[in-house]
Amino acid sequence: MQVYAETRAGSRTDALKIALVAFAMGVALVFVTGFAHSEAIHNAAHDTRHALSFPCH
């Protein structure tokens, strides 16, 4: 039984790490596109930024 508990805790930790990395990448993507000066990047992410209440202009 103890081996199962350790495996379960390890998979929970791995899942948390993956979730945090995904969240960090998502936040970075929103802020990188939010402050980009390229017209193409701005237009591609415009609606998403407004949906997330991120001011872009």
C-alpha atoms as a PDB file:
ATOM      1  CA  MET A   1       0.000   0.000   0.000  1.00  0.00           C
ATOM      2  CA  GLN A   2       2.774   2.442   0.783  1.00  0.00           C
ATOM      3  CA  VAL A   3       4.299   2.119  -2.700  1.00  0.00           C
ATOM      4  CA  TYR A   4       0.939   3.113  -4.210  1.00  0.00           C
ATOM      5  CA  ALA A   5       0.711   6.197  -1.975  1.00  0.00           C
ATOM      6  CA  GLU A   6       4.208   7.329  -2.988  1.00  0.00           C
ATOM      7  CA  THR A   7       3.436   6.839  -6.690  1.00  0.00           C
ATOM      8  CA  ARG A   8       0.173   8.731  -6.368  1.00  0.00           C
ATOM      9  CA  ALA A   9       1.887  11.649  -4.594  1.00  0.00           C
ATOM     10  CA  GLY A  10       4.617  11.689  -7.234  1.00  0.00           C
ATOM     11  CA  SER A  11       2.119  11.848 -10.101  1.00  0.00           C
ATOM     12  CA  ARG A  12       0.240  14.644  -8.331  1.00  0.00           C
ATOM     13  CA  THR A  13       3.488  16.610  -8.017  1.00  0.00           C
ATOM     14  CA  ASP A  14       4.285  16.018 -11.685  1.00  0.00           C
ATOM     15  CA  ALA A  15       0.808  17.179 -12.695  1.00  0.00           C
ATOM     16  CA  LEU A  16       1.218  20.346 -10.614  1.00  0.00           C
ATOM     17  CA  LYS A  17       4.580  21.089 -12.234  1.00  0.00           C
ATOM     18  CA  ILE A  18       3.096  20.655 -15.715  1.00  0.00           C
ATOM     19  CA  ALA A  19       0.132  22.886 -14.844  1.00  0.00           C
ATOM     20  CA  LEU A  20       2.415  25.626 -13.512  1.00  0.00           C
ATOM     21  CA  VAL A  21       4.627  25.507 -16.609  1.00  0.00           C
ATOM     22  CA  ALA A  22       1.560  25.690 -18.880  1.00  0.00           C
ATOM     23  CA  PHE A  23       0.193  28.643 -16.885  1.00  0.00           C
ATOM     24  CA  ALA A  24       3.528  30.469 -17.017  1.00  0.00           C
ATOM     25  CA  MET A  25       3.779  29.936 -20.774  1.00  0.00           C
ATOM     26  CA  GLY A  26       0.231  31.214 -21.266  1.00  0.00           C
ATOM     27  CA  VAL A  27       0.842  34.341 -19.211  1.00  0.00           C
ATOM     28  CA  ALA A  28       4.107  34.970 -21.049  1.00  0.00           C
ATOM     29  CA  LEU A  29       2.349  34.600 -24.396  1.00  0.00           C
ATOM     30  CA  VAL A  30      -0.357  37.120 -23.451  1.00  0.00           C
ATOM     31  CA  PHE A  31       2.166  39.683 -22.211  1.00  0.00           C
ATOM     32  CA  VAL A  32       4.608  39.196 -25.121  1.00  0.00           C
ATOM     33  CA  THR A  33       1.843  39.736 -27.663  1.00  0.00           C
ATOM     34  CA  GLY A  34       0.415  42.556 -25.572  1.00  0.00           C
ATOM     35  CA  PHE A  35       3.591  44.600 -25.731  1.00  0.00           C
ATOM     36  CA  ALA A  36       4.670  43.593 -29.255  1.00  0.00           C
ATOM     37  CA  HIS A  37       4.972  46.411 -31.772  1.00  0.00           C
ATOM     38  CA  SER A  38       4.370  44.206 -34.788  1.00  0.00           C
ATOM     39  CA  GLU A  39       1.036  44.890 -36.495  1.00  0.00           C
ATOM     40  CA  ALA A  40       0.587  41.221 -37.454  1.00  0.00           C
ATOM     41  CA  ILE A  41       1.080  39.976 -33.886  1.00  0.00           C
ATOM     42  CA  HIS A  42      -1.212  42.667 -32.516  1.00  0.00           C
ATOM     43  CA  ASN A  43      -4.010  41.850 -34.936  1.00  0.00           C
ATOM     44  CA  ALA A  44      -3.684  38.099 -34.398  1.00  0.00           C
ATOM     45  CA  ALA A  45      -4.057  38.384 -30.622  1.00  0.00           C
ATOM     46  CA  HIS A  46      -6.321  41.440 -30.389  1.00  0.00           C
ATOM     47  CA  ASP A  47      -9.612  39.743 -29.500  1.00  0.00           C
ATOM     48  CA  THR A  48      -7.982  37.332 -27.066  1.00  0.00           C
ATOM     49  CA  ARG A  49      -6.325  40.168 -25.175  1.00  0.00           C
ATOM     50  CA  HIS A  50      -9.601  42.052 -24.867  1.00  0.00           C
ATOM     51  CA  ALA A  51     -11.398  38.877 -23.729  1.00  0.00           C
ATOM     52  CA  LEU A  52      -8.805  38.572 -20.942  1.00  0.00           C
ATOM     53  CA  SER A  53      -9.205  42.287 -20.044  1.00  0.00           C
ATOM     54  CA  PHE A  54      -5.649  43.050 -21.151  1.00  0.00           C
ATOM     55  CA  PRO A  55      -5.385  46.617 -22.468  1.00  0.00           C
ATOM     56  CA  CYS A  56      -3.579  46.720 -25.784  1.00  0.00           C
ATOM     57  CA  HIS A  57      -4.309  50.277 -26.893  1.00  0.00           C
END
